[in-house]
Every structure is written in C-alpha cells, then in structure tokens.
C-alpha cells in the first residue's frame, strides 16, 4: 500500500556502533556488528510445503551467565534444546527445561525467555497449516504456549537423538528433515492449505495490505479467508499482518534486514507515535530501548525469519550472502 501523502516517521537512531550486544556471548557465526546468528537454510524441495526454515544455534557463554531476552515468532516451531537451562513465560505460566524437544506455538507478543549457560537449539519452523494437516494440536490453542513432545504423544528421545555431538550443523538439519518426512508419512491427513501459503507470502511482501483486497486476489470470500487464517495462523488476519509489520521493523532496528528496504519499512507506519505505540504493545519496550538493550535471542529469531522472507520475495537467492553478514 502506498502512502505518498504521509511523511516517513522519525525513525529511532541506532547507536553509532550499531545495536547493543552482550559481550559475554560467543557464536561461530555473527553479523558484521558482532551479533550472534544461527546456521539456517531453506528446506529440501520436497518439504517446501511443510517447512519454512531449519536452523541450528550454538552459543557459548560462561557457565553461570543468565541471558534475559525474549522471542516473537509468527510461526509454530519445533525446537530441540540440547544444552542450557531454559525458562519461558508462557500463557500457562513459567515453563522450564534443559534437554527437551518441544513445539512452540506462534506468539502474539514478545514471550520472555531466559537461558543460563551455553546453549544449543536446533529447530524447524513449520509453515502455516502444517499442524492442521498433520492432525496435530489446534494452533490457536498453542498461541503463546509450548508443549513437550512427550505431552504431544511424540517420541521425544527419538528426536533428541537426531543430533550427535560430533556432527556438523548441516548433518543435524538433514537428520531433522528425515524425521519430518517420517512424521508426514505417519500422520498427514491432508496437504497444507494453499490459501494459507498465499497469505504467508502476502504478509512478507506487504503487511499493510487489506484483508479485503487479499480475499479478492485469492478469489475467496473474505469470511472464508478469515476462517482459514484463524485456523492456520492461530489469530485473525489483521493481527497476523500487524505482527509481520512489527517484525520487519524489529529486524531493521537490530541490523538483520536489507538496508535498501529501510524507508519502505518505516513508511508502513503513519507516524512516530503509531510506531512507538504498536511496537510497545508487541515487544514491551520502545524502539529505542529495543536498539539500546542486548537482544540476542530475539535477534537470532529475527535473522532466521528475515532470511526466509528475503528468499521468498526473491530479494535473496538461497545460499547467497545476506546483507547483514
């Protein structure tokens, strides 16, 4: 949506040295300004309808270092936590784990997360509609929540054993893909809805688009589109688009976005007060605070999402060096 009659908001000015980082954190991969990032890639071609992205995060810290941060993800995610003591503030209260396989639902707002000590997390972001296609939990009931694989009736140890310590991150990614193929063969009762895939792409391209316009473009009734999005994203389409807009701005503020899109991302907000209000509602802090405080876990998630987004909208080819690297 073009807003030529609106001036760009006065964007928060990041510190001269870039977004704040936690000096106690070390990672094999990092952005140009030193923020840790994950090893991540697109799935194999046969899994593209089911998987959005695979990632491996390896972070070293002092044993007693407690990292206080948060996550805000727009998709459900299988997370295999291999190391570190994790704590999450969910809609069901505080959940703690160490070595565990879990399904995180999408988040409607920042979920506070802390982790003590060095940590390893391996995961798969599921595309919208996959839980429904696999006969899994109602994704709307999973918003801001998580469940262990044991609670979901899945073989937790089988998934945890996929990642052998001597293997490379790519070996772990391939093992996760293999297990997903098995899960699909065992549990799939239908294909993911193509309408949800089109809505996912639209949110990546322009999250200011109206739901009415998308329904017209997709050739479906608006009420039907709203029902499908609620079922496969866990929330109303307007809320999904609003969150996507905020996540793109957050990626820009943390330095894990395409700089050439900075002005277009800012123009999605009417003015500075609109930006501050919506950002505060979703992230629990102002844009400036978001820049000035270390956000390692949030940045890891944003970077993985932004890599997928840029590949999907054809601003980045798979395997190409990302603008922030």
C-alpha atoms as a PDB file:
ATOM      1  CA  UNK A   1       0.000   0.000   0.000  1.00  0.00           C
ATOM      2  CA  UNK A   2       1.458   3.367  -0.994  1.00  0.00           C
ATOM      3  CA  UNK A   3       1.183   6.300   1.379  1.00  0.00           C
ATOM      4  CA  UNK A   4       2.623   9.178  -0.645  1.00  0.00           C
ATOM      5  CA  UNK A   5       0.621  11.708   1.386  1.00  0.00           C
ATOM      6  CA  UNK A   6       2.299  10.621   4.612  1.00  0.00           C
ATOM      7  CA  UNK A   7       5.738  11.649   5.714  1.00  0.00           C
ATOM      8  CA  UNK A   8       8.108   8.968   6.907  1.00  0.00           C
ATOM      9  CA  UNK A   9       8.161   8.697  10.698  1.00  0.00           C
ATOM     10  CA  UNK A  10      11.157   9.970  12.535  1.00  0.00           C
ATOM     11  CA  UNK A  11      12.901   6.647  12.837  1.00  0.00           C
ATOM     12  CA  UNK A  12      14.850   5.775  16.001  1.00  0.00           C
ATOM     13  CA  UNK A  13      18.526   6.443  15.531  1.00  0.00           C
ATOM     14  CA  UNK A  14      20.649   3.403  16.449  1.00  0.00           C
ATOM     15  CA  UNK A  15      23.847   3.957  18.410  1.00  0.00           C
ATOM     16  CA  UNK A  16      26.873   4.733  16.253  1.00  0.00           C
ATOM     17  CA  UNK A  17      28.311   1.266  16.838  1.00  0.00           C
ATOM     18  CA  UNK A  18      25.043  -0.470  15.973  1.00  0.00           C
ATOM     19  CA  UNK A  19      22.551  -2.333  18.161  1.00  0.00           C
ATOM     20  CA  UNK A  20      23.764  -3.314  21.627  1.00  0.00           C
ATOM     21  CA  UNK A  21      25.296  -6.769  22.040  1.00  0.00           C
ATOM     22  CA  UNK A  22      26.057  -8.964  25.045  1.00  0.00           C
ATOM     23  CA  UNK A  23      29.896  -9.205  25.261  1.00  0.00           C
ATOM     24  CA  UNK A  24      29.668 -12.486  27.217  1.00  0.00           C
ATOM     25  CA  UNK A  25      28.203 -14.308  24.207  1.00  0.00           C
ATOM     26  CA  UNK A  26      30.332 -16.101  21.616  1.00  0.00           C
ATOM     27  CA  UNK A  27      28.979 -17.786  18.490  1.00  0.00           C
ATOM     28  CA  UNK A  28      30.527 -19.437  15.407  1.00  0.00           C
ATOM     29  CA  UNK A  29      28.521 -17.061  13.200  1.00  0.00           C
ATOM     30  CA  UNK A  30      27.793 -13.364  13.656  1.00  0.00           C
ATOM     31  CA  UNK A  31      26.633 -10.261  11.824  1.00  0.00           C
ATOM     32  CA  UNK A  32      29.066  -7.550  10.775  1.00  0.00           C
ATOM     33  CA  UNK A  33      28.423  -5.721  14.064  1.00  0.00           C
ATOM     34  CA  UNK A  34      29.064  -8.828  16.168  1.00  0.00           C
ATOM     35  CA  UNK A  35      25.565 -10.121  16.933  1.00  0.00           C
ATOM     36  CA  UNK A  36      25.295 -13.922  17.032  1.00  0.00           C
ATOM     37  CA  UNK A  37      23.254 -15.554  14.257  1.00  0.00           C
ATOM     38  CA  UNK A  38      22.192 -19.113  13.537  1.00  0.00           C
ATOM     39  CA  UNK A  39      23.157 -21.516  10.814  1.00  0.00           C
ATOM     40  CA  UNK A  40      19.928 -21.666   8.808  1.00  0.00           C
ATOM     41  CA  UNK A  41      18.692 -22.686   5.397  1.00  0.00           C
ATOM     42  CA  UNK A  42      15.621 -23.382   3.311  1.00  0.00           C
ATOM     43  CA  UNK A  43      14.271 -26.951   3.340  1.00  0.00           C
ATOM     44  CA  UNK A  44      14.743 -29.571   0.648  1.00  0.00           C
ATOM     45  CA  UNK A  45      12.368 -29.155  -2.297  1.00  0.00           C
ATOM     46  CA  UNK A  46      10.040 -31.995  -1.242  1.00  0.00           C
ATOM     47  CA  UNK A  47       9.477 -30.333   2.146  1.00  0.00           C
ATOM     48  CA  UNK A  48       8.832 -26.762   0.972  1.00  0.00           C
ATOM     49  CA  UNK A  49       5.080 -27.008   1.613  1.00  0.00           C
ATOM     50  CA  UNK A  50       5.735 -28.155   5.185  1.00  0.00           C
ATOM     51  CA  UNK A  51       8.874 -26.394   6.440  1.00  0.00           C
ATOM     52  CA  UNK A  52       9.665 -22.703   6.325  1.00  0.00           C
ATOM     53  CA  UNK A  53      13.237 -22.794   7.647  1.00  0.00           C
ATOM     54  CA  UNK A  54      15.682 -25.013   9.529  1.00  0.00           C
ATOM     55  CA  UNK A  55      18.139 -23.518  11.995  1.00  0.00           C
ATOM     56  CA  UNK A  56      20.973 -24.525  14.321  1.00  0.00           C
ATOM     57  CA  UNK A  57      22.018 -22.112  17.077  1.00  0.00           C
ATOM     58  CA  UNK A  58      25.227 -22.687  19.031  1.00  0.00           C
ATOM     59  CA  UNK A  59      26.127 -20.064  21.634  1.00  0.00           C
ATOM     60  CA  UNK A  60      28.875 -20.179  24.264  1.00  0.00           C
ATOM     61  CA  UNK A  61      28.711 -18.185  27.496  1.00  0.00           C
ATOM     62  CA  UNK A  62      30.217 -18.510  30.983  1.00  0.00           C
ATOM     63  CA  UNK A  63      28.510 -21.352  32.937  1.00  0.00           C
ATOM     64  CA  UNK A  64      26.672 -19.019  35.309  1.00  0.00           C
ATOM     65  CA  UNK A  65      25.752 -16.390  32.711  1.00  0.00           C
ATOM     66  CA  UNK A  66      21.978 -15.782  32.668  1.00  0.00           C
ATOM     67  CA  UNK A  67      20.684 -14.322  29.445  1.00  0.00           C
ATOM     68  CA  UNK A  68      17.363 -12.461  29.755  1.00  0.00           C
ATOM     69  CA  UNK A  69      15.646 -11.903  26.443  1.00  0.00           C
ATOM     70  CA  UNK A  70      12.533 -12.939  24.517  1.00  0.00           C
ATOM     71  CA  UNK A  71      11.068 -14.397  21.340  1.00  0.00           C
ATOM     72  CA  UNK A  72       8.361 -13.228  18.964  1.00  0.00           C
ATOM     73  CA  UNK A  73       7.721 -15.737  16.198  1.00  0.00           C
ATOM     74  CA  UNK A  74       4.919 -15.714  13.649  1.00  0.00           C
ATOM     75  CA  UNK A  75       5.028 -19.479  13.057  1.00  0.00           C
ATOM     76  CA  UNK A  76       4.916 -22.648  15.126  1.00  0.00           C
ATOM     77  CA  UNK A  77       8.355 -24.135  15.645  1.00  0.00           C
ATOM     78  CA  UNK A  78       9.798 -27.495  16.639  1.00  0.00           C
ATOM     79  CA  UNK A  79      12.703 -26.665  18.959  1.00  0.00           C
ATOM     80  CA  UNK A  80      15.202 -29.273  20.117  1.00  0.00           C
ATOM     81  CA  UNK A  81      17.045 -27.846  23.139  1.00  0.00           C
ATOM     82  CA  UNK A  82      20.293 -29.771  23.588  1.00  0.00           C
ATOM     83  CA  UNK A  83      22.146 -27.610  26.109  1.00  0.00           C
ATOM     84  CA  UNK A  84      21.435 -24.774  28.528  1.00  0.00           C
ATOM     85  CA  UNK A  85      18.801 -24.244  31.222  1.00  0.00           C
ATOM     86  CA  UNK A  86      15.771 -22.552  29.631  1.00  0.00           C
ATOM     87  CA  UNK A  87      12.855 -20.706  31.185  1.00  0.00           C
ATOM     88  CA  UNK A  88       9.874 -19.262  29.281  1.00  0.00           C
ATOM     89  CA  UNK A  89       6.986 -17.103  30.497  1.00  0.00           C
ATOM     90  CA  UNK A  90       4.056 -18.602  28.596  1.00  0.00           C
ATOM     91  CA  UNK A  91       0.289 -18.086  28.682  1.00  0.00           C
ATOM     92  CA  UNK A  92       0.232 -21.089  31.038  1.00  0.00           C
ATOM     93  CA  UNK A  93       2.868 -19.649  33.369  1.00  0.00           C
ATOM     94  CA  UNK A  94       6.589 -20.332  33.757  1.00  0.00           C
ATOM     95  CA  UNK A  95       7.912 -23.367  31.863  1.00  0.00           C
ATOM     96  CA  UNK A  96      11.465 -24.660  32.416  1.00  0.00           C
ATOM     97  CA  UNK A  97      13.569 -27.205  30.554  1.00  0.00           C
ATOM     98  CA  UNK A  98      17.093 -28.353  29.834  1.00  0.00           C
ATOM     99  CA  UNK A  99      17.382 -31.157  27.286  1.00  0.00           C
ATOM    100  CA  UNK A 100      13.975 -31.312  25.614  1.00  0.00           C
ATOM    101  CA  UNK A 101      12.059 -31.497  22.332  1.00  0.00           C
ATOM    102  CA  UNK A 102       9.192 -29.006  22.231  1.00  0.00           C
ATOM    103  CA  UNK A 103       6.576 -27.487  19.966  1.00  0.00           C
ATOM    104  CA  UNK A 104       6.321 -23.727  20.388  1.00  0.00           C
ATOM    105  CA  UNK A 105       3.154 -22.130  19.088  1.00  0.00           C
ATOM    106  CA  UNK A 106       3.290 -18.740  17.377  1.00  0.00           C
ATOM    107  CA  UNK A 107       3.489 -15.709  19.663  1.00  0.00           C
ATOM    108  CA  UNK A 108       1.034 -12.824  19.718  1.00  0.00           C
ATOM    109  CA  UNK A 109       3.592 -10.678  21.548  1.00  0.00           C
ATOM    110  CA  UNK A 110       7.108 -10.997  22.957  1.00  0.00           C
ATOM    111  CA  UNK A 111       7.494 -14.123  25.082  1.00  0.00           C
ATOM    112  CA  UNK A 112      10.082 -13.537  27.862  1.00  0.00           C
ATOM    113  CA  UNK A 113      12.816 -16.186  27.691  1.00  0.00           C
ATOM    114  CA  UNK A 114      15.915 -16.716  29.809  1.00  0.00           C
ATOM    115  CA  UNK A 115      18.721 -19.234  29.435  1.00  0.00           C
ATOM    116  CA  UNK A 116      21.608 -19.957  31.776  1.00  0.00           C
ATOM    117  CA  UNK A 117      24.943 -21.191  30.449  1.00  0.00           C
ATOM    118  CA  UNK A 118      25.994 -22.131  26.929  1.00  0.00           C
ATOM    119  CA  UNK A 119      23.169 -23.391  24.760  1.00  0.00           C
ATOM    120  CA  UNK A 120      22.375 -25.302  21.592  1.00  0.00           C
ATOM    121  CA  UNK A 121      18.994 -25.158  19.884  1.00  0.00           C
ATOM    122  CA  UNK A 122      18.059 -26.957  16.670  1.00  0.00           C
ATOM    123  CA  UNK A 123      14.726 -26.287  15.056  1.00  0.00           C
ATOM    124  CA  UNK A 124      12.210 -26.345  12.258  1.00  0.00           C
ATOM    125  CA  UNK A 125       9.791 -23.503  11.567  1.00  0.00           C
ATOM    126  CA  UNK A 126       6.534 -25.046  10.379  1.00  0.00           C
ATOM    127  CA  UNK A 127       4.581 -23.384   7.626  1.00  0.00           C
ATOM    128  CA  UNK A 128       1.013 -22.295   8.413  1.00  0.00           C
ATOM    129  CA  UNK A 129      -1.491 -25.115   8.142  1.00  0.00           C
ATOM    130  CA  UNK A 130       1.029 -27.870   8.857  1.00  0.00           C
ATOM    131  CA  UNK A 131      -0.284 -28.642  12.355  1.00  0.00           C
ATOM    132  CA  UNK A 132      -3.789 -28.943  10.907  1.00  0.00           C
ATOM    133  CA  UNK A 133      -2.557 -31.136   8.041  1.00  0.00           C
ATOM    134  CA  UNK A 134      -0.737 -33.447  10.470  1.00  0.00           C
ATOM    135  CA  UNK A 135      -3.752 -33.812  12.730  1.00  0.00           C
ATOM    136  CA  UNK A 136      -1.797 -32.017  15.440  1.00  0.00           C
ATOM    137  CA  UNK A 137      -2.907 -29.557  18.117  1.00  0.00           C
ATOM    138  CA  UNK A 138      -5.205 -26.641  17.312  1.00  0.00           C
ATOM    139  CA  UNK A 139      -2.709 -23.872  16.548  1.00  0.00           C
ATOM    140  CA  UNK A 140      -4.983 -21.192  18.049  1.00  0.00           C
ATOM    141  CA  UNK A 141      -4.737 -23.064  21.363  1.00  0.00           C
ATOM    142  CA  UNK A 142      -0.926 -23.033  21.046  1.00  0.00           C
ATOM    143  CA  UNK A 143      -0.542 -19.248  20.701  1.00  0.00           C
ATOM    144  CA  UNK A 144       1.899 -18.019  23.384  1.00  0.00           C
ATOM    145  CA  UNK A 145       2.261 -21.601  24.642  1.00  0.00           C
ATOM    146  CA  UNK A 146       4.545 -24.605  24.250  1.00  0.00           C
ATOM    147  CA  UNK A 147       4.300 -28.344  24.772  1.00  0.00           C
ATOM    148  CA  UNK A 148       6.888 -31.089  25.083  1.00  0.00           C
ATOM    149  CA  UNK A 149       6.885 -33.876  22.527  1.00  0.00           C
ATOM    150  CA  UNK A 150       6.043 -36.294  25.330  1.00  0.00           C
ATOM    151  CA  UNK A 151       2.863 -34.327  26.094  1.00  0.00           C
ATOM    152  CA  UNK A 152       2.027 -34.313  22.372  1.00  0.00           C
ATOM    153  CA  UNK A 153       2.377 -38.094  22.115  1.00  0.00           C
ATOM    154  CA  UNK A 154       5.602 -37.978  20.100  1.00  0.00           C
ATOM    155  CA  UNK A 155       8.805 -39.900  20.792  1.00  0.00           C
ATOM    156  CA  UNK A 156      10.869 -37.163  22.442  1.00  0.00           C
ATOM    157  CA  UNK A 157      14.070 -39.215  22.804  1.00  0.00           C
ATOM    158  CA  UNK A 158      13.938 -40.165  19.125  1.00  0.00           C
ATOM    159  CA  UNK A 159      14.070 -36.501  18.160  1.00  0.00           C
ATOM    160  CA  UNK A 160      16.711 -35.620  20.752  1.00  0.00           C
ATOM    161  CA  UNK A 161      18.946 -38.409  19.474  1.00  0.00           C
ATOM    162  CA  UNK A 162      18.963 -36.943  15.947  1.00  0.00           C
ATOM    163  CA  UNK A 163      21.733 -34.504  16.823  1.00  0.00           C
ATOM    164  CA  UNK A 164      25.002 -36.290  17.545  1.00  0.00           C
ATOM    165  CA  UNK A 165      27.627 -34.021  19.171  1.00  0.00           C
ATOM    166  CA  UNK A 166      30.323 -34.939  16.620  1.00  0.00           C
ATOM    167  CA  UNK A 167      28.157 -33.986  13.626  1.00  0.00           C
ATOM    168  CA  UNK A 168      28.041 -30.646  11.802  1.00  0.00           C
ATOM    169  CA  UNK A 169      25.016 -28.297  11.854  1.00  0.00           C
ATOM    170  CA  UNK A 170      24.181 -29.368   8.294  1.00  0.00           C
ATOM    171  CA  UNK A 171      24.126 -33.014   9.422  1.00  0.00           C
ATOM    172  CA  UNK A 172      21.632 -32.060  12.125  1.00  0.00           C
ATOM    173  CA  UNK A 173      19.490 -30.182   9.587  1.00  0.00           C
ATOM    174  CA  UNK A 174      19.401 -33.219   7.288  1.00  0.00           C
ATOM    175  CA  UNK A 175      18.500 -35.501  10.200  1.00  0.00           C
ATOM    176  CA  UNK A 176      15.621 -33.176  11.111  1.00  0.00           C
ATOM    177  CA  UNK A 177      14.399 -33.231   7.515  1.00  0.00           C
ATOM    178  CA  UNK A 178      14.494 -37.030   7.506  1.00  0.00           C
ATOM    179  CA  UNK A 179      12.434 -37.157  10.691  1.00  0.00           C
ATOM    180  CA  UNK A 180       9.923 -34.671   9.271  1.00  0.00           C
ATOM    181  CA  UNK A 181       9.438 -36.910   6.239  1.00  0.00           C
ATOM    182  CA  UNK A 182       8.682 -39.786   8.576  1.00  0.00           C
ATOM    183  CA  UNK A 183       6.263 -37.660  10.601  1.00  0.00           C
ATOM    184  CA  UNK A 184       4.435 -36.554   7.443  1.00  0.00           C
ATOM    185  CA  UNK A 185       4.206 -40.142   6.179  1.00  0.00           C
ATOM    186  CA  UNK A 186       2.854 -41.326   9.528  1.00  0.00           C
ATOM    187  CA  UNK A 187       0.477 -38.516  10.443  1.00  0.00           C
ATOM    188  CA  UNK A 188      -0.524 -36.366   7.476  1.00  0.00           C
ATOM    189  CA  UNK A 189      -4.261 -36.467   6.809  1.00  0.00           C
ATOM    190  CA  UNK A 190      -4.268 -33.673   4.213  1.00  0.00           C
ATOM    191  CA  UNK A 191      -1.994 -31.157   2.460  1.00  0.00           C
ATOM    192  CA  UNK A 192      -1.384 -27.703   3.975  1.00  0.00           C
ATOM    193  CA  UNK A 193      -3.967 -25.250   2.619  1.00  0.00           C
ATOM    194  CA  UNK A 194      -2.587 -23.261  -0.366  1.00  0.00           C
ATOM    195  CA  UNK A 195      -4.652 -20.250   0.734  1.00  0.00           C
ATOM    196  CA  UNK A 196      -2.557 -20.058   3.907  1.00  0.00           C
ATOM    197  CA  UNK A 197       0.640 -20.252   1.858  1.00  0.00           C
ATOM    198  CA  UNK A 198      -0.544 -17.315  -0.255  1.00  0.00           C
ATOM    199  CA  UNK A 199      -1.437 -15.318   2.855  1.00  0.00           C
ATOM    200  CA  UNK A 200       2.008 -16.068   4.322  1.00  0.00           C
ATOM    201  CA  UNK A 201       3.668 -14.703   1.175  1.00  0.00           C
ATOM    202  CA  UNK A 202       1.435 -11.617   1.172  1.00  0.00           C
ATOM    203  CA  UNK A 203       2.435 -10.810   4.776  1.00  0.00           C
ATOM    204  CA  UNK A 204       6.092 -10.990   3.746  1.00  0.00           C
ATOM    205  CA  UNK A 205       5.581  -8.786   0.684  1.00  0.00           C
ATOM    206  CA  UNK A 206       3.388  -6.016   2.122  1.00  0.00           C
ATOM    207  CA  UNK A 207       1.832  -6.396   5.591  1.00  0.00           C
ATOM    208  CA  UNK A 208      -0.136  -3.139   5.133  1.00  0.00           C
ATOM    209  CA  UNK A 209      -2.393  -4.755   2.520  1.00  0.00           C
ATOM    210  CA  UNK A 210      -6.081  -5.046   3.440  1.00  0.00           C
ATOM    211  CA  UNK A 211      -7.708  -8.400   4.140  1.00  0.00           C
ATOM    212  CA  UNK A 212     -10.500  -7.490   1.712  1.00  0.00           C
ATOM    213  CA  UNK A 213      -8.014  -6.921  -1.096  1.00  0.00           C
ATOM    214  CA  UNK A 214      -6.269 -10.237  -0.413  1.00  0.00           C
ATOM    215  CA  UNK A 215      -9.583 -12.104  -0.466  1.00  0.00           C
ATOM    216  CA  UNK A 216     -10.309 -10.590  -3.874  1.00  0.00           C
ATOM    217  CA  UNK A 217      -6.837 -11.502  -5.168  1.00  0.00           C
ATOM    218  CA  UNK A 218      -7.162 -15.074  -3.872  1.00  0.00           C
ATOM    219  CA  UNK A 219     -10.668 -15.467  -5.276  1.00  0.00           C
ATOM    220  CA  UNK A 220     -12.213 -16.459  -1.936  1.00  0.00           C
ATOM    221  CA  UNK A 221     -14.863 -14.866   0.261  1.00  0.00           C
ATOM    222  CA  UNK A 222     -13.394 -12.630   2.957  1.00  0.00           C
ATOM    223  CA  UNK A 223     -15.107 -14.608   5.740  1.00  0.00           C
ATOM    224  CA  UNK A 224     -13.616 -17.832   4.404  1.00  0.00           C
ATOM    225  CA  UNK A 225     -10.141 -16.291   4.269  1.00  0.00           C
ATOM    226  CA  UNK A 226     -10.556 -15.103   7.853  1.00  0.00           C
ATOM    227  CA  UNK A 227     -11.573 -18.607   8.993  1.00  0.00           C
ATOM    228  CA  UNK A 228      -8.605 -20.240   7.243  1.00  0.00           C
ATOM    229  CA  UNK A 229      -6.117 -17.737   8.677  1.00  0.00           C
ATOM    230  CA  UNK A 230      -7.527 -18.126  12.193  1.00  0.00           C
ATOM    231  CA  UNK A 231      -7.215 -21.899  11.876  1.00  0.00           C
ATOM    232  CA  UNK A 232      -3.687 -21.983  10.393  1.00  0.00           C
ATOM    233  CA  UNK A 233      -2.063 -18.894  11.981  1.00  0.00           C
ATOM    234  CA  UNK A 234      -3.934 -19.001  15.286  1.00  0.00           C
ATOM    235  CA  UNK A 235      -5.242 -15.432  15.133  1.00  0.00           C
ATOM    236  CA  UNK A 236      -7.223 -13.032  12.911  1.00  0.00           C
ATOM    237  CA  UNK A 237      -5.586 -11.923   9.645  1.00  0.00           C
ATOM    238  CA  UNK A 238      -5.334  -8.256  10.682  1.00  0.00           C
ATOM    239  CA  UNK A 239      -3.366  -9.297  13.763  1.00  0.00           C
ATOM    240  CA  UNK A 240      -1.078 -11.511  11.657  1.00  0.00           C
ATOM    241  CA  UNK A 241      -0.338  -8.614   9.283  1.00  0.00           C
ATOM    242  CA  UNK A 242       0.214  -6.170  12.152  1.00  0.00           C
ATOM    243  CA  UNK A 243       2.716  -8.557  13.744  1.00  0.00           C
ATOM    244  CA  UNK A 244       4.518  -9.063  10.407  1.00  0.00           C
ATOM    245  CA  UNK A 245       4.914  -5.302  10.041  1.00  0.00           C
ATOM    246  CA  UNK A 246       6.404  -5.033  13.521  1.00  0.00           C
ATOM    247  CA  UNK A 247       8.772  -7.966  12.940  1.00  0.00           C
ATOM    248  CA  UNK A 248      10.149  -6.331   9.800  1.00  0.00           C
ATOM    249  CA  UNK A 249      10.736  -3.098  11.714  1.00  0.00           C
ATOM    250  CA  UNK A 250      12.375  -5.022  14.575  1.00  0.00           C
ATOM    251  CA  UNK A 251      14.696  -6.738  12.070  1.00  0.00           C
ATOM    252  CA  UNK A 252      15.684  -3.349  10.679  1.00  0.00           C
ATOM    253  CA  UNK A 253      16.381  -1.968  14.168  1.00  0.00           C
ATOM    254  CA  UNK A 254      18.547  -4.966  15.079  1.00  0.00           C
ATOM    255  CA  UNK A 255      20.545  -4.770  11.839  1.00  0.00           C
ATOM    256  CA  UNK A 256      19.319  -8.043  10.303  1.00  0.00           C
ATOM    257  CA  UNK A 257      17.349  -6.660   7.363  1.00  0.00           C
ATOM    258  CA  UNK A 258      18.074  -5.416   3.875  1.00  0.00           C
ATOM    259  CA  UNK A 259      19.121  -1.779   4.354  1.00  0.00           C
ATOM    260  CA  UNK A 260      17.622  -0.906   0.973  1.00  0.00           C
ATOM    261  CA  UNK A 261      14.168  -1.620   2.427  1.00  0.00           C
ATOM    262  CA  UNK A 262      14.584   0.695   5.443  1.00  0.00           C
ATOM    263  CA  UNK A 263      12.496   3.566   4.107  1.00  0.00           C
ATOM    264  CA  UNK A 264       9.732   1.305   2.819  1.00  0.00           C
ATOM    265  CA  UNK A 265       9.534  -0.461   6.195  1.00  0.00           C
ATOM    266  CA  UNK A 266       9.287   2.865   8.048  1.00  0.00           C
ATOM    267  CA  UNK A 267       6.552   4.151   5.712  1.00  0.00           C
ATOM    268  CA  UNK A 268       4.300   1.309   6.830  1.00  0.00           C
ATOM    269  CA  UNK A 269       3.597   3.362   9.978  1.00  0.00           C
ATOM    270  CA  UNK A 270       1.528   6.534   9.888  1.00  0.00           C
ATOM    271  CA  UNK A 271       3.919   8.469  12.115  1.00  0.00           C
ATOM    272  CA  UNK A 272       6.326   8.111  15.016  1.00  0.00           C
ATOM    273  CA  UNK A 273       3.616   7.782  17.657  1.00  0.00           C
ATOM    274  CA  UNK A 274       1.964   4.969  15.677  1.00  0.00           C
ATOM    275  CA  UNK A 275       5.278   3.126  15.527  1.00  0.00           C
ATOM    276  CA  UNK A 276       6.010   3.580  19.240  1.00  0.00           C
ATOM    277  CA  UNK A 277       2.506   2.504  20.290  1.00  0.00           C
ATOM    278  CA  UNK A 278       2.383  -0.675  18.198  1.00  0.00           C
ATOM    279  CA  UNK A 279       5.986  -1.605  18.915  1.00  0.00           C
ATOM    280  CA  UNK A 280       5.413  -1.193  22.635  1.00  0.00           C
ATOM    281  CA  UNK A 281       2.297  -3.382  22.551  1.00  0.00           C
ATOM    282  CA  UNK A 282       4.109  -6.243  20.806  1.00  0.00           C
ATOM    283  CA  UNK A 283       7.631  -6.015  22.242  1.00  0.00           C
ATOM    284  CA  UNK A 284       7.024  -4.440  25.644  1.00  0.00           C
ATOM    285  CA  UNK A 285       9.526  -1.634  25.053  1.00  0.00           C
ATOM    286  CA  UNK A 286      10.090   1.359  22.805  1.00  0.00           C
ATOM    287  CA  UNK A 287      12.002   1.063  19.513  1.00  0.00           C
ATOM    288  CA  UNK A 288      14.919   2.951  21.046  1.00  0.00           C
ATOM    289  CA  UNK A 289      15.068   0.618  24.042  1.00  0.00           C
ATOM    290  CA  UNK A 290      14.951  -2.307  21.613  1.00  0.00           C
ATOM    291  CA  UNK A 291      18.103  -0.972  19.946  1.00  0.00           C
ATOM    292  CA  UNK A 292      19.956   0.011  23.103  1.00  0.00           C
ATOM    293  CA  UNK A 293      19.459  -3.260  25.021  1.00  0.00           C
ATOM    294  CA  UNK A 294      21.120  -6.539  24.005  1.00  0.00           C
ATOM    295  CA  UNK A 295      18.544  -8.768  22.293  1.00  0.00           C
ATOM    296  CA  UNK A 296      20.485 -11.940  21.393  1.00  0.00           C
ATOM    297  CA  UNK A 297      17.647 -14.486  21.331  1.00  0.00           C
ATOM    298  CA  UNK A 298      15.265 -12.082  19.630  1.00  0.00           C
ATOM    299  CA  UNK A 299      17.886 -11.179  17.031  1.00  0.00           C
ATOM    300  CA  UNK A 300      18.584 -14.848  16.307  1.00  0.00           C
ATOM    301  CA  UNK A 301      14.898 -15.411  15.582  1.00  0.00           C
ATOM    302  CA  UNK A 302      14.518 -12.230  13.558  1.00  0.00           C
ATOM    303  CA  UNK A 303      17.551 -13.033  11.419  1.00  0.00           C
ATOM    304  CA  UNK A 304      16.253 -16.515  10.586  1.00  0.00           C
ATOM    305  CA  UNK A 305      12.823 -15.125   9.692  1.00  0.00           C
ATOM    306  CA  UNK A 306      14.254 -12.314   7.605  1.00  0.00           C
ATOM    307  CA  UNK A 307      16.448 -14.715   5.623  1.00  0.00           C
ATOM    308  CA  UNK A 308      13.354 -16.758   4.768  1.00  0.00           C
ATOM    309  CA  UNK A 309      11.366 -13.647   3.901  1.00  0.00           C
ATOM    310  CA  UNK A 310      14.009 -12.256   1.547  1.00  0.00           C
ATOM    311  CA  UNK A 311      14.313 -15.603  -0.195  1.00  0.00           C
ATOM    312  CA  UNK A 312      10.533 -15.928  -0.556  1.00  0.00           C
ATOM    313  CA  UNK A 313      10.104 -12.458  -2.073  1.00  0.00           C
ATOM    314  CA  UNK A 314      13.139 -13.053  -4.320  1.00  0.00           C
ATOM    315  CA  UNK A 315      15.354 -10.341  -2.853  1.00  0.00           C
ATOM    316  CA  UNK A 316      17.888 -13.031  -1.897  1.00  0.00           C
ATOM    317  CA  UNK A 317      18.833 -16.304  -3.545  1.00  0.00           C
ATOM    318  CA  UNK A 318      19.196 -19.422  -1.345  1.00  0.00           C
ATOM    319  CA  UNK A 319      22.811 -19.657  -0.144  1.00  0.00           C
ATOM    320  CA  UNK A 320      23.612 -16.065  -1.137  1.00  0.00           C
ATOM    321  CA  UNK A 321      25.460 -13.872   1.371  1.00  0.00           C
ATOM    322  CA  UNK A 322      22.899 -11.958   3.405  1.00  0.00           C
ATOM    323  CA  UNK A 323      23.052  -8.124   3.525  1.00  0.00           C
ATOM    324  CA  UNK A 324      23.935  -8.140   7.244  1.00  0.00           C
ATOM    325  CA  UNK A 325      26.756 -10.695   7.046  1.00  0.00           C
END
